[in-house]
Amino acid sequence: MAEPYTINSIYDIIEIGKELCYSWFRGHPEKYNKLTPGIFREKYDSQFIFKPQFELKIYEEFKRIAPSLSHFNVKNYSDLEWLFVMQHYGMPTRLLDWTESILFAAYFAVEKNFESDAELWAMYPDALNHKYGFHGMPMIEENRVLQFLASEHRHNNPPQLTKELDLTDLPKSPMALRPPIKFDRMILQQSAFTIHPKPEQP
């Protein structure tokens, strides 16, 4: 992880965006000093120990009520597509939102609080995915690691799921991916995501 850099003006943000033109960005209204998907945050843990059954319960309950949502077109979504929809409606998932625009990330960092320091994260997605031995973005239908990360919450035996998908190791790192565009917000905000495995420790 790179050393923190202090941003003092919009001009600094623009210069960083030019320098890191292939990066993704994320803005936080406070200094958290960590990146944690919603479902793995402390308020959903019990004594800071993640409970897989809680993630599954949220997933199943959302699928149950989803047909009642306005303009929701029910069809046979994959596990990953359900996670995208849940994230869109503000449910805690194992996804983290990113944007390809540093200006959008800066807006989210300061929109609610002008008095305290905020955070602006930058991440090079190709380097993250290189940990899994491939370049660029995974094909959702073809990448077995991505299939594992998207469906891990439905299996109480991840090592068995690893064998079923013919993976040599249990995925332990996040993966970067571009979603299929299903909502106008995704286009406007130049949305991208990382999907995260169940944490091994708090």
N, C-alpha and C. Protein backbone atom coordinates (compact mmCIF):
# COMPACT_ATOMS: atom_id res chain seq x y z
N MET A 1 0.85 -1.18 0.00
CA MET A 1 0.00 0.00 0.00
C MET A 1 0.89 1.24 0.00
N ALA A 2 0.55 2.21 -0.83
CA ALA A 2 1.34 3.43 -0.94
C ALA A 2 1.16 4.31 0.28
N GLU A 3 2.10 5.22 0.48
CA GLU A 3 2.00 6.18 1.58
C GLU A 3 0.85 7.16 1.31
N PRO A 4 0.16 7.59 2.38
CA PRO A 4 -0.93 8.57 2.20
C PRO A 4 -0.40 9.88 1.64
N TYR A 5 -1.25 10.54 0.90
CA TYR A 5 -0.92 11.81 0.27
C TYR A 5 -2.00 12.81 0.66
N THR A 6 -1.60 14.00 1.09
CA THR A 6 -2.56 15.01 1.52
C THR A 6 -3.04 15.83 0.33
N ILE A 7 -4.35 15.89 0.17
CA ILE A 7 -4.98 16.67 -0.90
C ILE A 7 -5.48 17.98 -0.31
N ASN A 8 -5.10 19.07 -0.92
CA ASN A 8 -5.47 20.39 -0.39
C ASN A 8 -6.43 21.17 -1.27
N SER A 9 -6.61 20.74 -2.52
CA SER A 9 -7.46 21.51 -3.42
C SER A 9 -7.99 20.62 -4.53
N ILE A 10 -8.96 21.13 -5.25
CA ILE A 10 -9.52 20.41 -6.39
C ILE A 10 -8.46 20.21 -7.47
N TYR A 11 -7.47 21.11 -7.52
CA TYR A 11 -6.41 20.98 -8.52
C TYR A 11 -5.55 19.76 -8.22
N ASP A 12 -5.34 19.49 -6.93
CA ASP A 12 -4.61 18.27 -6.56
C ASP A 12 -5.36 17.03 -7.04
N ILE A 13 -6.68 17.06 -6.87
CA ILE A 13 -7.49 15.91 -7.28
C ILE A 13 -7.40 15.70 -8.78
N ILE A 14 -7.48 16.77 -9.53
CA ILE A 14 -7.40 16.65 -11.00
C ILE A 14 -6.05 16.10 -11.42
N GLU A 15 -4.98 16.57 -10.78
CA GLU A 15 -3.64 16.09 -11.13
C GLU A 15 -3.48 14.60 -10.80
N ILE A 16 -4.03 14.19 -9.66
CA ILE A 16 -3.97 12.76 -9.31
C ILE A 16 -4.76 11.94 -10.33
N GLY A 17 -5.94 12.44 -10.72
CA GLY A 17 -6.74 11.74 -11.71
C GLY A 17 -6.02 11.57 -13.03
N LYS A 18 -5.25 12.58 -13.42
CA LYS A 18 -4.47 12.48 -14.66
C LYS A 18 -3.34 11.46 -14.52
N GLU A 19 -2.68 11.49 -13.37
CA GLU A 19 -1.55 10.61 -13.14
C GLU A 19 -1.99 9.15 -13.02
N LEU A 20 -3.14 8.93 -12.39
CA LEU A 20 -3.65 7.58 -12.15
C LEU A 20 -4.86 7.31 -13.05
N CYS A 21 -4.69 7.54 -14.33
CA CYS A 21 -5.82 7.53 -15.24
C CYS A 21 -6.44 6.14 -15.44
N TYR A 22 -5.72 5.08 -15.07
CA TYR A 22 -6.27 3.73 -15.21
C TYR A 22 -6.71 3.15 -13.87
N SER A 23 -6.75 3.99 -12.86
CA SER A 23 -7.13 3.53 -11.52
C SER A 23 -8.62 3.70 -11.29
N TRP A 24 -9.09 3.04 -10.23
CA TRP A 24 -10.45 3.25 -9.71
C TRP A 24 -10.34 3.98 -8.40
N PHE A 25 -11.43 4.68 -8.01
CA PHE A 25 -11.37 5.55 -6.85
C PHE A 25 -12.59 5.32 -5.95
N ARG A 26 -12.39 5.65 -4.68
CA ARG A 26 -13.46 5.52 -3.70
C ARG A 26 -13.28 6.60 -2.64
N GLY A 27 -14.37 7.30 -2.32
CA GLY A 27 -14.31 8.37 -1.33
C GLY A 27 -15.05 8.02 -0.06
N HIS A 28 -14.44 8.33 1.10
CA HIS A 28 -15.05 8.13 2.41
C HIS A 28 -15.18 9.48 3.13
N PRO A 29 -16.30 9.76 3.79
CA PRO A 29 -16.46 11.03 4.48
C PRO A 29 -15.65 11.15 5.76
N GLU A 30 -15.05 10.06 6.22
CA GLU A 30 -14.19 10.07 7.40
C GLU A 30 -12.92 9.27 7.10
N LYS A 31 -11.95 9.40 8.00
CA LYS A 31 -10.71 8.64 7.85
C LYS A 31 -10.87 7.29 8.55
N TYR A 32 -11.18 6.27 7.76
CA TYR A 32 -11.34 4.93 8.31
C TYR A 32 -10.04 4.12 8.25
N ASN A 33 -9.19 4.46 7.31
CA ASN A 33 -7.90 3.77 7.12
C ASN A 33 -8.06 2.29 6.78
N LYS A 34 -9.21 1.90 6.23
CA LYS A 34 -9.40 0.52 5.81
C LYS A 34 -10.55 0.46 4.82
N LEU A 35 -10.57 -0.62 4.07
CA LEU A 35 -11.63 -0.87 3.10
C LEU A 35 -12.35 -2.14 3.49
N THR A 36 -13.61 -2.01 3.88
CA THR A 36 -14.37 -3.18 4.34
C THR A 36 -15.75 -3.18 3.70
N PRO A 37 -16.11 -4.23 2.95
CA PRO A 37 -17.47 -4.32 2.40
C PRO A 37 -18.51 -4.31 3.51
N GLY A 38 -19.71 -3.85 3.18
CA GLY A 38 -20.77 -3.65 4.17
C GLY A 38 -21.05 -4.86 5.03
N ILE A 39 -21.14 -6.05 4.44
CA ILE A 39 -21.55 -7.22 5.20
C ILE A 39 -20.48 -7.65 6.19
N PHE A 40 -19.23 -7.21 6.01
CA PHE A 40 -18.15 -7.62 6.89
C PHE A 40 -17.81 -6.55 7.94
N ARG A 41 -18.60 -5.49 8.00
CA ARG A 41 -18.31 -4.43 8.97
C ARG A 41 -18.76 -4.82 10.37
N GLU A 42 -18.21 -4.14 11.36
CA GLU A 42 -18.39 -4.54 12.75
C GLU A 42 -19.85 -4.60 13.17
N LYS A 43 -20.70 -3.74 12.64
CA LYS A 43 -22.09 -3.73 13.11
C LYS A 43 -22.85 -4.98 12.71
N TYR A 44 -22.32 -5.75 11.74
CA TYR A 44 -22.95 -7.00 11.36
C TYR A 44 -22.23 -8.21 11.93
N ASP A 45 -21.21 -7.97 12.74
CA ASP A 45 -20.46 -9.06 13.35
C ASP A 45 -20.94 -9.29 14.78
N SER A 46 -20.60 -10.42 15.34
CA SER A 46 -20.84 -10.71 16.75
C SER A 46 -19.49 -10.88 17.42
N GLN A 47 -19.13 -9.93 18.28
CA GLN A 47 -17.80 -9.93 18.89
C GLN A 47 -16.72 -9.98 17.82
N PHE A 48 -16.98 -9.25 16.71
CA PHE A 48 -16.04 -9.13 15.61
C PHE A 48 -15.74 -10.45 14.92
N ILE A 49 -16.62 -11.41 15.08
CA ILE A 49 -16.49 -12.68 14.35
C ILE A 49 -17.61 -12.74 13.32
N PHE A 50 -17.25 -12.82 12.06
CA PHE A 50 -18.25 -12.79 11.00
C PHE A 50 -19.11 -14.05 11.04
N LYS A 51 -20.41 -13.86 10.92
CA LYS A 51 -21.36 -14.97 10.94
C LYS A 51 -21.90 -15.22 9.52
N PRO A 52 -21.44 -16.27 8.85
CA PRO A 52 -21.89 -16.52 7.47
C PRO A 52 -23.40 -16.64 7.34
N GLN A 53 -24.08 -17.19 8.35
CA GLN A 53 -25.52 -17.37 8.25
C GLN A 53 -26.26 -16.04 8.18
N PHE A 54 -25.66 -14.98 8.71
CA PHE A 54 -26.29 -13.66 8.64
C PHE A 54 -26.27 -13.15 7.20
N GLU A 55 -25.16 -13.33 6.51
CA GLU A 55 -25.08 -12.92 5.11
C GLU A 55 -26.10 -13.68 4.27
N LEU A 56 -26.22 -14.98 4.49
CA LEU A 56 -27.18 -15.78 3.74
C LEU A 56 -28.61 -15.34 4.04
N LYS A 57 -28.91 -15.02 5.28
CA LYS A 57 -30.25 -14.59 5.65
C LYS A 57 -30.64 -13.30 4.93
N ILE A 58 -29.74 -12.34 4.87
CA ILE A 58 -30.01 -11.09 4.16
C ILE A 58 -30.24 -11.37 2.68
N TYR A 59 -29.40 -12.21 2.10
CA TYR A 59 -29.50 -12.55 0.68
C TYR A 59 -30.86 -13.18 0.37
N GLU A 60 -31.25 -14.15 1.17
CA GLU A 60 -32.51 -14.85 0.91
C GLU A 60 -33.72 -13.94 1.16
N GLU A 61 -33.64 -13.10 2.17
CA GLU A 61 -34.76 -12.20 2.46
C GLU A 61 -34.93 -11.17 1.35
N PHE A 62 -33.82 -10.68 0.82
CA PHE A 62 -33.91 -9.72 -0.28
C PHE A 62 -34.53 -10.37 -1.50
N LYS A 63 -34.14 -11.59 -1.83
CA LYS A 63 -34.73 -12.28 -2.97
C LYS A 63 -36.24 -12.48 -2.78
N ARG A 64 -36.64 -12.66 -1.52
CA ARG A 64 -38.07 -12.87 -1.23
C ARG A 64 -38.88 -11.61 -1.48
N ILE A 65 -38.35 -10.44 -1.10
CA ILE A 65 -39.12 -9.20 -1.22
C ILE A 65 -38.87 -8.47 -2.54
N ALA A 66 -37.85 -8.88 -3.28
CA ALA A 66 -37.48 -8.16 -4.51
C ALA A 66 -38.62 -8.01 -5.50
N PRO A 67 -39.48 -9.02 -5.69
CA PRO A 67 -40.57 -8.84 -6.67
C PRO A 67 -41.52 -7.69 -6.35
N SER A 68 -41.54 -7.23 -5.10
CA SER A 68 -42.44 -6.14 -4.73
C SER A 68 -41.84 -4.77 -5.03
N LEU A 69 -40.54 -4.70 -5.36
CA LEU A 69 -39.91 -3.41 -5.61
C LEU A 69 -40.38 -2.83 -6.94
N SER A 70 -40.55 -1.55 -6.94
CA SER A 70 -41.03 -0.86 -8.14
C SER A 70 -40.06 -1.05 -9.30
N HIS A 71 -40.60 -1.35 -10.47
CA HIS A 71 -39.83 -1.50 -11.71
C HIS A 71 -38.80 -2.63 -11.63
N PHE A 72 -39.00 -3.59 -10.75
CA PHE A 72 -38.06 -4.69 -10.63
C PHE A 72 -38.50 -5.82 -11.53
N ASN A 73 -37.66 -6.18 -12.46
CA ASN A 73 -37.96 -7.23 -13.43
C ASN A 73 -37.38 -8.55 -12.92
N VAL A 74 -38.24 -9.38 -12.35
CA VAL A 74 -37.78 -10.64 -11.77
C VAL A 74 -37.42 -11.62 -12.89
N LYS A 75 -36.25 -12.19 -12.77
CA LYS A 75 -35.84 -13.23 -13.72
C LYS A 75 -34.81 -14.09 -13.02
N ASN A 76 -34.22 -15.01 -13.74
CA ASN A 76 -33.26 -15.93 -13.14
C ASN A 76 -31.88 -15.28 -13.06
N TYR A 77 -31.70 -14.46 -12.04
CA TYR A 77 -30.41 -13.82 -11.83
C TYR A 77 -29.39 -14.83 -11.31
N SER A 78 -28.14 -14.60 -11.65
CA SER A 78 -27.04 -15.35 -11.05
C SER A 78 -26.79 -14.79 -9.65
N ASP A 79 -25.97 -15.50 -8.86
CA ASP A 79 -25.62 -15.00 -7.53
C ASP A 79 -25.00 -13.62 -7.62
N LEU A 80 -24.12 -13.41 -8.58
CA LEU A 80 -23.44 -12.13 -8.71
C LEU A 80 -24.41 -11.02 -9.09
N GLU A 81 -25.34 -11.31 -10.00
CA GLU A 81 -26.33 -10.30 -10.38
C GLU A 81 -27.20 -9.90 -9.19
N TRP A 82 -27.56 -10.87 -8.35
CA TRP A 82 -28.31 -10.55 -7.15
C TRP A 82 -27.51 -9.63 -6.24
N LEU A 83 -26.21 -9.85 -6.14
CA LEU A 83 -25.38 -8.98 -5.30
C LEU A 83 -25.34 -7.56 -5.86
N PHE A 84 -25.27 -7.42 -7.18
CA PHE A 84 -25.31 -6.09 -7.78
C PHE A 84 -26.62 -5.37 -7.44
N VAL A 85 -27.73 -6.08 -7.57
CA VAL A 85 -29.04 -5.47 -7.28
C VAL A 85 -29.14 -5.11 -5.80
N MET A 86 -28.70 -6.00 -4.92
CA MET A 86 -28.73 -5.71 -3.50
C MET A 86 -27.89 -4.49 -3.16
N GLN A 87 -26.72 -4.39 -3.76
CA GLN A 87 -25.85 -3.24 -3.53
C GLN A 87 -26.54 -1.95 -3.99
N HIS A 88 -27.22 -2.02 -5.12
CA HIS A 88 -27.92 -0.85 -5.65
C HIS A 88 -28.99 -0.35 -4.68
N TYR A 89 -29.67 -1.28 -4.00
CA TYR A 89 -30.73 -0.90 -3.07
C TYR A 89 -30.22 -0.70 -1.64
N GLY A 90 -28.91 -0.64 -1.46
CA GLY A 90 -28.34 -0.28 -0.17
C GLY A 90 -28.23 -1.40 0.84
N MET A 91 -28.33 -2.65 0.39
CA MET A 91 -28.17 -3.78 1.29
C MET A 91 -26.68 -4.04 1.52
N PRO A 92 -26.32 -4.56 2.71
CA PRO A 92 -24.91 -4.90 2.94
C PRO A 92 -24.53 -6.16 2.17
N THR A 93 -23.49 -6.06 1.37
CA THR A 93 -23.01 -7.20 0.57
C THR A 93 -21.50 -7.30 0.70
N ARG A 94 -20.94 -8.27 0.00
CA ARG A 94 -19.49 -8.42 -0.03
C ARG A 94 -18.86 -7.64 -1.19
N LEU A 95 -19.64 -6.72 -1.76
CA LEU A 95 -19.14 -5.84 -2.81
C LEU A 95 -18.71 -4.48 -2.22
N LEU A 96 -17.70 -3.88 -2.83
CA LEU A 96 -17.35 -2.50 -2.55
C LEU A 96 -17.52 -1.70 -3.83
N ASP A 97 -18.18 -0.55 -3.74
CA ASP A 97 -18.36 0.34 -4.88
C ASP A 97 -17.07 1.12 -5.16
N TRP A 98 -16.74 1.22 -6.44
CA TRP A 98 -15.65 2.09 -6.89
C TRP A 98 -16.16 2.89 -8.08
N THR A 99 -15.43 3.88 -8.46
CA THR A 99 -15.76 4.64 -9.66
C THR A 99 -14.49 4.88 -10.47
N GLU A 100 -14.65 4.96 -11.76
CA GLU A 100 -13.51 5.26 -12.62
C GLU A 100 -13.24 6.76 -12.69
N SER A 101 -14.07 7.55 -12.02
CA SER A 101 -13.91 9.01 -12.00
C SER A 101 -13.46 9.48 -10.63
N ILE A 102 -12.31 10.10 -10.54
CA ILE A 102 -11.83 10.61 -9.26
C ILE A 102 -12.72 11.74 -8.75
N LEU A 103 -13.39 12.46 -9.66
CA LEU A 103 -14.27 13.56 -9.24
C LEU A 103 -15.51 13.02 -8.53
N PHE A 104 -16.07 11.92 -9.00
CA PHE A 104 -17.20 11.31 -8.29
C PHE A 104 -16.76 10.85 -6.90
N ALA A 105 -15.59 10.22 -6.82
CA ALA A 105 -15.10 9.74 -5.52
C ALA A 105 -14.88 10.91 -4.57
N ALA A 106 -14.35 12.01 -5.07
CA ALA A 106 -14.14 13.19 -4.22
C ALA A 106 -15.47 13.76 -3.74
N TYR A 107 -16.47 13.75 -4.61
CA TYR A 107 -17.80 14.24 -4.21
C TYR A 107 -18.35 13.41 -3.04
N PHE A 108 -18.26 12.07 -3.15
CA PHE A 108 -18.77 11.22 -2.08
C PHE A 108 -17.99 11.42 -0.78
N ALA A 109 -16.72 11.82 -0.89
CA ALA A 109 -15.90 12.03 0.30
C ALA A 109 -16.32 13.29 1.07
N VAL A 110 -16.83 14.30 0.37
CA VAL A 110 -17.09 15.59 1.03
C VAL A 110 -18.55 16.02 1.03
N GLU A 111 -19.45 15.25 0.41
CA GLU A 111 -20.82 15.74 0.23
C GLU A 111 -21.55 15.99 1.54
N LYS A 112 -21.24 15.24 2.61
CA LYS A 112 -22.01 15.35 3.85
C LYS A 112 -21.27 16.06 4.98
N ASN A 113 -19.99 16.24 4.83
CA ASN A 113 -19.21 16.80 5.93
C ASN A 113 -18.06 17.63 5.40
N PHE A 114 -18.09 18.93 5.66
CA PHE A 114 -17.02 19.81 5.20
C PHE A 114 -16.04 20.16 6.32
N GLU A 115 -16.30 19.69 7.53
CA GLU A 115 -15.54 20.13 8.69
C GLU A 115 -14.36 19.23 9.04
N SER A 116 -14.42 17.96 8.67
CA SER A 116 -13.35 17.04 9.07
C SER A 116 -12.68 16.44 7.84
N ASP A 117 -11.54 15.82 8.08
CA ASP A 117 -10.80 15.20 6.97
C ASP A 117 -11.57 14.00 6.42
N ALA A 118 -11.43 13.78 5.14
CA ALA A 118 -12.05 12.65 4.47
C ALA A 118 -10.94 11.77 3.88
N GLU A 119 -11.35 10.68 3.23
CA GLU A 119 -10.40 9.79 2.56
C GLU A 119 -10.75 9.66 1.09
N LEU A 120 -9.73 9.56 0.29
CA LEU A 120 -9.90 9.26 -1.13
C LEU A 120 -8.93 8.14 -1.47
N TRP A 121 -9.49 6.97 -1.82
CA TRP A 121 -8.67 5.81 -2.14
C TRP A 121 -8.50 5.68 -3.65
N ALA A 122 -7.33 5.19 -4.05
CA ALA A 122 -7.08 4.86 -5.45
C ALA A 122 -6.57 3.43 -5.51
N MET A 123 -7.01 2.71 -6.54
CA MET A 123 -6.64 1.29 -6.68
C MET A 123 -6.48 0.97 -8.16
N TYR A 124 -5.41 0.24 -8.48
CA TYR A 124 -5.19 -0.18 -9.86
C TYR A 124 -5.77 -1.58 -10.04
N PRO A 125 -6.93 -1.72 -10.66
CA PRO A 125 -7.64 -3.00 -10.68
C PRO A 125 -6.89 -4.13 -11.37
N ASP A 126 -6.13 -3.82 -12.41
CA ASP A 126 -5.41 -4.89 -13.10
C ASP A 126 -4.36 -5.53 -12.19
N ALA A 127 -3.73 -4.73 -11.33
CA ALA A 127 -2.74 -5.28 -10.41
C ALA A 127 -3.40 -6.19 -9.38
N LEU A 128 -4.61 -5.81 -8.94
CA LEU A 128 -5.34 -6.66 -8.00
C LEU A 128 -5.66 -8.01 -8.63
N ASN A 129 -6.17 -8.00 -9.85
CA ASN A 129 -6.54 -9.25 -10.51
C ASN A 129 -5.33 -10.08 -10.92
N HIS A 130 -4.21 -9.43 -11.06
CA HIS A 130 -2.99 -10.16 -11.41
C HIS A 130 -2.63 -11.18 -10.33
N LYS A 131 -3.10 -10.96 -9.09
CA LYS A 131 -2.85 -11.93 -8.02
C LYS A 131 -3.47 -13.28 -8.35
N TYR A 132 -4.51 -13.27 -9.19
CA TYR A 132 -5.15 -14.51 -9.59
C TYR A 132 -4.62 -15.04 -10.93
N GLY A 133 -3.60 -14.37 -11.43
CA GLY A 133 -2.92 -14.90 -12.61
C GLY A 133 -3.51 -14.51 -13.94
N PHE A 134 -4.33 -13.46 -13.99
CA PHE A 134 -4.83 -13.03 -15.29
C PHE A 134 -4.83 -11.51 -15.36
N HIS A 135 -4.90 -11.00 -16.57
CA HIS A 135 -4.87 -9.56 -16.80
C HIS A 135 -6.27 -9.08 -17.16
N GLY A 136 -6.56 -7.84 -16.83
CA GLY A 136 -7.84 -7.25 -17.19
C GLY A 136 -8.96 -7.68 -16.26
N MET A 137 -10.18 -7.62 -16.79
CA MET A 137 -11.38 -7.91 -16.01
C MET A 137 -11.86 -9.33 -16.27
N PRO A 138 -12.38 -10.01 -15.24
CA PRO A 138 -12.87 -11.38 -15.44
C PRO A 138 -14.18 -11.40 -16.22
N MET A 139 -14.34 -12.44 -17.02
CA MET A 139 -15.62 -12.68 -17.67
C MET A 139 -16.53 -13.35 -16.64
N ILE A 140 -17.66 -12.74 -16.36
CA ILE A 140 -18.50 -13.17 -15.26
C ILE A 140 -18.93 -14.63 -15.41
N GLU A 141 -19.26 -15.03 -16.63
CA GLU A 141 -19.77 -16.38 -16.83
C GLU A 141 -18.66 -17.43 -16.83
N GLU A 142 -17.40 -17.02 -17.01
CA GLU A 142 -16.33 -17.98 -17.25
C GLU A 142 -15.32 -18.08 -16.10
N ASN A 143 -15.22 -17.08 -15.26
CA ASN A 143 -14.17 -17.06 -14.25
C ASN A 143 -14.60 -17.82 -13.00
N ARG A 144 -13.89 -18.89 -12.68
CA ARG A 144 -14.30 -19.75 -11.56
C ARG A 144 -14.04 -19.12 -10.20
N VAL A 145 -12.99 -18.30 -10.10
CA VAL A 145 -12.74 -17.59 -8.84
C VAL A 145 -13.88 -16.62 -8.56
N LEU A 146 -14.32 -15.92 -9.58
CA LEU A 146 -15.43 -15.00 -9.42
C LEU A 146 -16.71 -15.76 -9.06
N GLN A 147 -16.92 -16.91 -9.66
CA GLN A 147 -18.08 -17.72 -9.30
C GLN A 147 -18.02 -18.14 -7.83
N PHE A 148 -16.83 -18.46 -7.35
CA PHE A 148 -16.68 -18.82 -5.93
C PHE A 148 -17.04 -17.63 -5.05
N LEU A 149 -16.46 -16.47 -5.33
CA LEU A 149 -16.68 -15.30 -4.49
C LEU A 149 -18.15 -14.88 -4.47
N ALA A 150 -18.84 -15.08 -5.60
CA ALA A 150 -20.24 -14.67 -5.69
C ALA A 150 -21.18 -15.63 -5.01
N SER A 151 -20.76 -16.89 -4.83
CA SER A 151 -21.68 -17.89 -4.27
C SER A 151 -21.20 -18.47 -2.94
N GLU A 152 -20.08 -18.00 -2.43
CA GLU A 152 -19.54 -18.55 -1.18
C GLU A 152 -20.55 -18.47 -0.03
N HIS A 153 -21.35 -17.39 -0.01
CA HIS A 153 -22.28 -17.20 1.10
C HIS A 153 -23.37 -18.29 1.15
N ARG A 154 -23.59 -19.00 0.05
CA ARG A 154 -24.62 -20.05 0.01
C ARG A 154 -24.08 -21.43 0.36
N HIS A 155 -22.79 -21.52 0.66
CA HIS A 155 -22.18 -22.81 0.93
C HIS A 155 -21.57 -22.81 2.33
N ASN A 156 -21.88 -23.82 3.12
CA ASN A 156 -21.30 -23.90 4.46
C ASN A 156 -19.99 -24.69 4.47
N ASN A 157 -19.50 -25.03 3.27
CA ASN A 157 -18.24 -25.76 3.17
C ASN A 157 -17.42 -25.18 2.00
N PRO A 158 -16.79 -24.01 2.21
CA PRO A 158 -16.01 -23.39 1.12
C PRO A 158 -14.95 -24.30 0.51
N PRO A 159 -14.22 -25.10 1.29
CA PRO A 159 -13.24 -26.00 0.64
C PRO A 159 -13.90 -26.95 -0.37
N GLN A 160 -15.11 -27.42 -0.06
CA GLN A 160 -15.82 -28.28 -1.00
C GLN A 160 -16.20 -27.52 -2.26
N LEU A 161 -16.64 -26.26 -2.08
CA LEU A 161 -16.97 -25.42 -3.24
C LEU A 161 -15.73 -25.21 -4.10
N THR A 162 -14.59 -25.05 -3.47
CA THR A 162 -13.33 -24.91 -4.21
C THR A 162 -13.09 -26.13 -5.10
N LYS A 163 -13.34 -27.32 -4.56
CA LYS A 163 -13.15 -28.54 -5.34
C LYS A 163 -14.16 -28.62 -6.48
N GLU A 164 -15.42 -28.25 -6.20
CA GLU A 164 -16.45 -28.31 -7.22
C GLU A 164 -16.13 -27.41 -8.41
N LEU A 165 -15.48 -26.28 -8.13
CA LEU A 165 -15.12 -25.34 -9.19
C LEU A 165 -13.73 -25.61 -9.75
N ASP A 166 -13.11 -26.69 -9.27
CA ASP A 166 -11.79 -27.11 -9.76
C ASP A 166 -10.74 -26.01 -9.53
N LEU A 167 -10.79 -25.39 -8.36
CA LEU A 167 -9.79 -24.40 -7.97
C LEU A 167 -8.72 -25.07 -7.12
N THR A 168 -7.48 -24.65 -7.28
CA THR A 168 -6.40 -25.26 -6.51
C THR A 168 -6.32 -24.71 -5.10
N ASP A 169 -6.74 -23.45 -4.90
CA ASP A 169 -6.67 -22.83 -3.58
C ASP A 169 -7.96 -22.10 -3.27
N LEU A 170 -8.22 -21.93 -1.98
CA LEU A 170 -9.36 -21.14 -1.51
C LEU A 170 -9.07 -19.67 -1.80
N PRO A 171 -9.90 -18.97 -2.57
CA PRO A 171 -9.65 -17.56 -2.86
C PRO A 171 -9.60 -16.73 -1.58
N LYS A 172 -8.55 -15.93 -1.44
CA LYS A 172 -8.35 -15.14 -0.23
C LYS A 172 -8.21 -13.65 -0.50
N SER A 173 -8.20 -13.26 -1.75
CA SER A 173 -8.03 -11.85 -2.10
C SER A 173 -9.27 -11.33 -2.83
N PRO A 174 -9.52 -10.04 -2.76
CA PRO A 174 -10.62 -9.46 -3.55
C PRO A 174 -10.32 -9.55 -5.04
N MET A 175 -11.35 -9.36 -5.83
CA MET A 175 -11.21 -9.33 -7.28
C MET A 175 -11.94 -8.10 -7.81
N ALA A 176 -11.37 -7.46 -8.80
CA ALA A 176 -11.97 -6.28 -9.41
C ALA A 176 -12.78 -6.70 -10.63
N LEU A 177 -13.95 -6.06 -10.80
CA LEU A 177 -14.78 -6.40 -11.96
C LEU A 177 -15.65 -5.22 -12.35
N ARG A 178 -15.96 -5.18 -13.63
CA ARG A 178 -16.92 -4.21 -14.14
C ARG A 178 -18.28 -4.91 -14.26
N PRO A 179 -19.33 -4.28 -13.76
CA PRO A 179 -20.64 -4.94 -13.76
C PRO A 179 -21.37 -4.76 -15.08
N PRO A 180 -22.31 -5.63 -15.38
CA PRO A 180 -23.25 -5.33 -16.47
C PRO A 180 -24.08 -4.13 -16.05
N ILE A 181 -24.33 -3.23 -16.97
CA ILE A 181 -25.02 -1.98 -16.64
C ILE A 181 -26.53 -2.23 -16.59
N LYS A 182 -27.10 -2.18 -15.38
CA LYS A 182 -28.52 -2.42 -15.19
C LYS A 182 -29.26 -1.18 -14.67
N PHE A 183 -28.53 -0.19 -14.19
CA PHE A 183 -29.15 1.00 -13.62
C PHE A 183 -28.46 2.25 -14.16
N ASP A 184 -29.25 3.32 -14.35
CA ASP A 184 -28.68 4.56 -14.85
C ASP A 184 -27.56 5.06 -13.96
N ARG A 185 -27.69 4.84 -12.65
CA ARG A 185 -26.66 5.30 -11.71
C ARG A 185 -25.29 4.72 -12.05
N MET A 186 -25.26 3.49 -12.53
CA MET A 186 -23.99 2.86 -12.86
C MET A 186 -23.29 3.59 -14.01
N ILE A 187 -24.08 4.06 -14.97
CA ILE A 187 -23.50 4.80 -16.09
C ILE A 187 -23.01 6.16 -15.61
N LEU A 188 -23.85 6.87 -14.87
CA LEU A 188 -23.52 8.22 -14.43
C LEU A 188 -22.30 8.24 -13.53
N GLN A 189 -22.20 7.26 -12.64
CA GLN A 189 -21.12 7.23 -11.67
C GLN A 189 -19.91 6.43 -12.14
N GLN A 190 -19.97 5.89 -13.37
CA GLN A 190 -18.88 5.08 -13.91
C GLN A 190 -18.51 3.97 -12.91
N SER A 191 -19.52 3.19 -12.56
CA SER A 191 -19.39 2.23 -11.48
C SER A 191 -18.47 1.06 -11.81
N ALA A 192 -17.76 0.63 -10.80
CA ALA A 192 -16.96 -0.59 -10.83
C ALA A 192 -17.03 -1.18 -9.42
N PHE A 193 -16.58 -2.42 -9.26
CA PHE A 193 -16.70 -3.08 -7.97
C PHE A 193 -15.48 -3.93 -7.68
N THR A 194 -15.26 -4.15 -6.40
CA THR A 194 -14.44 -5.28 -5.96
C THR A 194 -15.35 -6.21 -5.18
N ILE A 195 -15.13 -7.51 -5.34
CA ILE A 195 -15.87 -8.51 -4.58
C ILE A 195 -14.88 -9.21 -3.66
N HIS A 196 -15.31 -9.44 -2.41
CA HIS A 196 -14.37 -9.85 -1.36
C HIS A 196 -14.73 -11.21 -0.77
N PRO A 197 -13.74 -12.03 -0.47
CA PRO A 197 -14.01 -13.29 0.20
C PRO A 197 -14.30 -13.07 1.67
N LYS A 198 -14.86 -14.09 2.30
CA LYS A 198 -15.10 -14.02 3.74
C LYS A 198 -13.78 -13.77 4.45
N PRO A 199 -13.71 -12.81 5.36
CA PRO A 199 -12.43 -12.51 6.02
C PRO A 199 -12.00 -13.64 6.95
N GLU A 200 -10.69 -13.87 6.98
CA GLU A 200 -10.15 -14.91 7.84
C GLU A 200 -9.94 -14.41 9.26
N GLN A 201 -9.87 -13.07 9.42
CA GLN A 201 -9.68 -12.48 10.73
C GLN A 201 -10.37 -11.12 10.72
N PRO A 202 -10.63 -10.55 11.90
CA PRO A 202 -11.29 -9.24 11.94
C PRO A 202 -10.55 -8.18 11.14
